[in-house]
Amino acid sequence: MGAKTRKPTNNPEAFAMAAECLRVLSHPVRLRMVQLLLQGRYTVGELAEDSDIPNNVASEHLRLMQRCGFFTSQREGRRVFYEVAEPHLANIMSCIEDRFLKGKQKK
């Protein structure tokens, strides 16, 4: 055996925040919104249409994710555009796509 490695930092408050934000992400519509927004800016209406949900439901999903700091929004006239604010979402989505969307899941 090699030299002992340090234990990872234990920060219960940070883990609680991470768990809450992961809980927010753990919805199929929200994951799809993340996937789309990683490709560019979208309006609530565009995201709602893609997910086949009403605009008000899409707005609620976006509000929850924005509260975790995942997205920012910018008003342009009557339209509000959302975009990714948290670059680590790309890593999370890459793991999800590799595991569940590229034919690697168990059947």
C-alpha atoms as a PDB file:
ATOM      1  CA  MET A   1       0.000   0.000   0.000  1.00  0.00           C
ATOM      2  CA  GLY A   2       1.110   3.553  -0.738  1.00  0.00           C
ATOM      3  CA  ALA A   3       1.035   6.560   1.492  1.00  0.00           C
ATOM      4  CA  LYS A   4      -2.240   7.501   3.120  1.00  0.00           C
ATOM      5  CA  THR A   5      -4.268  10.045   1.227  1.00  0.00           C
ATOM      6  CA  ARG A   6      -6.162  12.819   2.903  1.00  0.00           C
ATOM      7  CA  LYS A   7      -9.821  12.360   3.577  1.00  0.00           C
ATOM      8  CA  PRO A   8     -12.093  14.481   1.400  1.00  0.00           C
ATOM      9  CA  THR A   9     -13.399  17.595   3.098  1.00  0.00           C
ATOM     10  CA  ASN A  10     -16.580  17.054   5.055  1.00  0.00           C
ATOM     11  CA  ASN A  11     -18.881  20.041   4.916  1.00  0.00           C
ATOM     12  CA  PRO A  12     -22.469  19.104   5.863  1.00  0.00           C
ATOM     13  CA  GLU A  13     -23.858  22.491   4.766  1.00  0.00           C
ATOM     14  CA  ALA A  14     -22.241  22.197   1.334  1.00  0.00           C
ATOM     15  CA  PHE A  15     -23.555  18.636   0.957  1.00  0.00           C
ATOM     16  CA  ALA A  16     -27.052  19.812   1.927  1.00  0.00           C
ATOM     17  CA  MET A  17     -26.914  22.551  -0.727  1.00  0.00           C
ATOM     18  CA  ALA A  18     -25.610  20.087  -3.315  1.00  0.00           C
ATOM     19  CA  ALA A  19     -28.342  17.571  -2.459  1.00  0.00           C
ATOM     20  CA  GLU A  20     -31.031  20.238  -2.819  1.00  0.00           C
ATOM     21  CA  CYS A  21     -29.751  21.344  -6.219  1.00  0.00           C
ATOM     22  CA  LEU A  22     -29.400  17.749  -7.415  1.00  0.00           C
ATOM     23  CA  ARG A  23     -32.972  17.126  -6.248  1.00  0.00           C
ATOM     24  CA  VAL A  24     -34.085  20.109  -8.336  1.00  0.00           C
ATOM     25  CA  LEU A  25     -32.285  18.683 -11.370  1.00  0.00           C
ATOM     26  CA  SER A  26     -33.822  15.244 -10.899  1.00  0.00           C
ATOM     27  CA  HIS A  27     -36.824  15.778 -13.171  1.00  0.00           C
ATOM     28  CA  PRO A  28     -36.980  14.697 -16.825  1.00  0.00           C
ATOM     29  CA  VAL A  29     -38.258  18.066 -18.077  1.00  0.00           C
ATOM     30  CA  ARG A  30     -35.588  19.949 -16.145  1.00  0.00           C
ATOM     31  CA  LEU A  31     -32.845  17.701 -17.487  1.00  0.00           C
ATOM     32  CA  ARG A  32     -34.085  18.328 -21.025  1.00  0.00           C
ATOM     33  CA  MET A  33     -34.087  22.082 -20.372  1.00  0.00           C
ATOM     34  CA  VAL A  34     -30.492  21.869 -19.153  1.00  0.00           C
ATOM     35  CA  GLN A  35     -29.566  19.889 -22.261  1.00  0.00           C
ATOM     36  CA  LEU A  36     -31.103  22.516 -24.538  1.00  0.00           C
ATOM     37  CA  LEU A  37     -29.739  25.515 -22.657  1.00  0.00           C
ATOM     38  CA  LEU A  38     -26.233  24.091 -22.815  1.00  0.00           C
ATOM     39  CA  GLN A  39     -26.591  24.583 -26.588  1.00  0.00           C
ATOM     40  CA  GLY A  40     -27.751  28.215 -26.424  1.00  0.00           C
ATOM     41  CA  ARG A  41     -30.350  30.701 -25.231  1.00  0.00           C
ATOM     42  CA  TYR A  42     -34.047  29.846 -25.207  1.00  0.00           C
ATOM     43  CA  THR A  43     -37.271  31.534 -24.153  1.00  0.00           C
ATOM     44  CA  VAL A  44     -39.792  30.009 -21.770  1.00  0.00           C
ATOM     45  CA  GLY A  45     -42.109  29.420 -24.712  1.00  0.00           C
ATOM     46  CA  GLU A  46     -39.465  27.585 -26.726  1.00  0.00           C
ATOM     47  CA  LEU A  47     -38.555  25.376 -23.767  1.00  0.00           C
ATOM     48  CA  ALA A  48     -42.218  24.718 -22.978  1.00  0.00           C
ATOM     49  CA  GLU A  49     -42.961  23.764 -26.573  1.00  0.00           C
ATOM     50  CA  ASP A  50     -40.004  21.378 -26.726  1.00  0.00           C
ATOM     51  CA  SER A  51     -41.118  19.699 -23.500  1.00  0.00           C
ATOM     52  CA  ASP A  52     -44.820  19.732 -24.457  1.00  0.00           C
ATOM     53  CA  ILE A  53     -45.809  21.544 -21.258  1.00  0.00           C
ATOM     54  CA  PRO A  54     -47.656  24.828 -20.616  1.00  0.00           C
ATOM     55  CA  ASN A  55     -45.573  28.002 -20.349  1.00  0.00           C
ATOM     56  CA  ASN A  56     -46.467  28.496 -16.683  1.00  0.00           C
ATOM     57  CA  VAL A  57     -45.182  25.009 -15.835  1.00  0.00           C
ATOM     58  CA  ALA A  58     -41.957  25.656 -17.756  1.00  0.00           C
ATOM     59  CA  SER A  59     -41.569  28.945 -15.868  1.00  0.00           C
ATOM     60  CA  GLU A  60     -41.848  27.128 -12.546  1.00  0.00           C
ATOM     61  CA  HIS A  61     -39.187  24.601 -13.575  1.00  0.00           C
ATOM     62  CA  LEU A  62     -36.898  27.425 -14.673  1.00  0.00           C
ATOM     63  CA  ARG A  63     -37.507  29.370 -11.461  1.00  0.00           C
ATOM     64  CA  LEU A  64     -36.458  26.381  -9.346  1.00  0.00           C
ATOM     65  CA  MET A  65     -33.286  25.870 -11.353  1.00  0.00           C
ATOM     66  CA  GLN A  66     -32.490  29.572 -11.376  1.00  0.00           C
ATOM     67  CA  ARG A  67     -32.753  29.584  -7.575  1.00  0.00           C
ATOM     68  CA  CYS A  68     -29.909  27.026  -7.508  1.00  0.00           C
ATOM     69  CA  GLY A  69     -27.837  29.328  -9.694  1.00  0.00           C
ATOM     70  CA  PHE A  70     -28.005  27.112 -12.758  1.00  0.00           C
ATOM     71  CA  PHE A  71     -29.464  29.711 -15.130  1.00  0.00           C
ATOM     72  CA  THR A  72     -29.644  33.429 -15.706  1.00  0.00           C
ATOM     73  CA  SER A  73     -32.396  35.270 -17.520  1.00  0.00           C
ATOM     74  CA  GLN A  74     -32.356  38.371 -19.645  1.00  0.00           C
ATOM     75  CA  ARG A  75     -35.376  40.325 -20.788  1.00  0.00           C
ATOM     76  CA  GLU A  76     -35.401  41.581 -24.365  1.00  0.00           C
ATOM     77  CA  GLY A  77     -38.615  43.433 -24.983  1.00  0.00           C
ATOM     78  CA  ARG A  78     -41.459  41.099 -24.085  1.00  0.00           C
ATOM     79  CA  ARG A  79     -39.311  37.980 -24.268  1.00  0.00           C
ATOM     80  CA  VAL A  80     -37.155  36.516 -21.512  1.00  0.00           C
ATOM     81  CA  PHE A  81     -34.184  34.419 -22.565  1.00  0.00           C
ATOM     82  CA  TYR A  82     -32.581  31.854 -20.291  1.00  0.00           C
ATOM     83  CA  GLU A  83     -29.007  30.646 -20.468  1.00  0.00           C
ATOM     84  CA  VAL A  84     -26.659  28.509 -18.416  1.00  0.00           C
ATOM     85  CA  ALA A  85     -24.888  30.290 -15.559  1.00  0.00           C
ATOM     86  CA  GLU A  86     -23.301  27.205 -13.973  1.00  0.00           C
ATOM     87  CA  PRO A  87     -20.607  25.710 -16.236  1.00  0.00           C
ATOM     88  CA  HIS A  88     -20.501  22.470 -14.230  1.00  0.00           C
ATOM     89  CA  LEU A  89     -23.909  21.560 -15.659  1.00  0.00           C
ATOM     90  CA  ALA A  90     -22.061  20.498 -18.819  1.00  0.00           C
ATOM     91  CA  ASN A  91     -20.168  17.846 -16.826  1.00  0.00           C
ATOM     92  CA  ILE A  92     -23.332  16.598 -15.159  1.00  0.00           C
ATOM     93  CA  MET A  93     -25.185  16.430 -18.478  1.00  0.00           C
ATOM     94  CA  SER A  94     -22.254  14.680 -20.128  1.00  0.00           C
ATOM     95  CA  CYS A  95     -22.413  11.944 -17.474  1.00  0.00           C
ATOM     96  CA  ILE A  96     -26.183  11.607 -17.956  1.00  0.00           C
ATOM     97  CA  GLU A  97     -25.920  11.478 -21.742  1.00  0.00           C
ATOM     98  CA  ASP A  98     -23.055   8.957 -21.649  1.00  0.00           C
ATOM     99  CA  ARG A  99     -24.915   6.697 -19.238  1.00  0.00           C
ATOM    100  CA  PHE A 100     -28.530   7.004 -20.370  1.00  0.00           C
ATOM    101  CA  LEU A 101     -28.706   8.469 -23.879  1.00  0.00           C
ATOM    102  CA  LYS A 102     -25.930   6.704 -25.787  1.00  0.00           C
ATOM    103  CA  GLY A 103     -27.142   3.123 -25.642  1.00  0.00           C
ATOM    104  CA  LYS A 104     -25.140   2.187 -22.568  1.00  0.00           C
ATOM    105  CA  GLN A 105     -28.083   1.607 -20.245  1.00  0.00           C
ATOM    106  CA  LYS A 106     -28.980  -1.885 -19.103  1.00  0.00           C
ATOM    107  CA  LYS A 107     -31.954  -3.431 -20.820  1.00  0.00           C
END
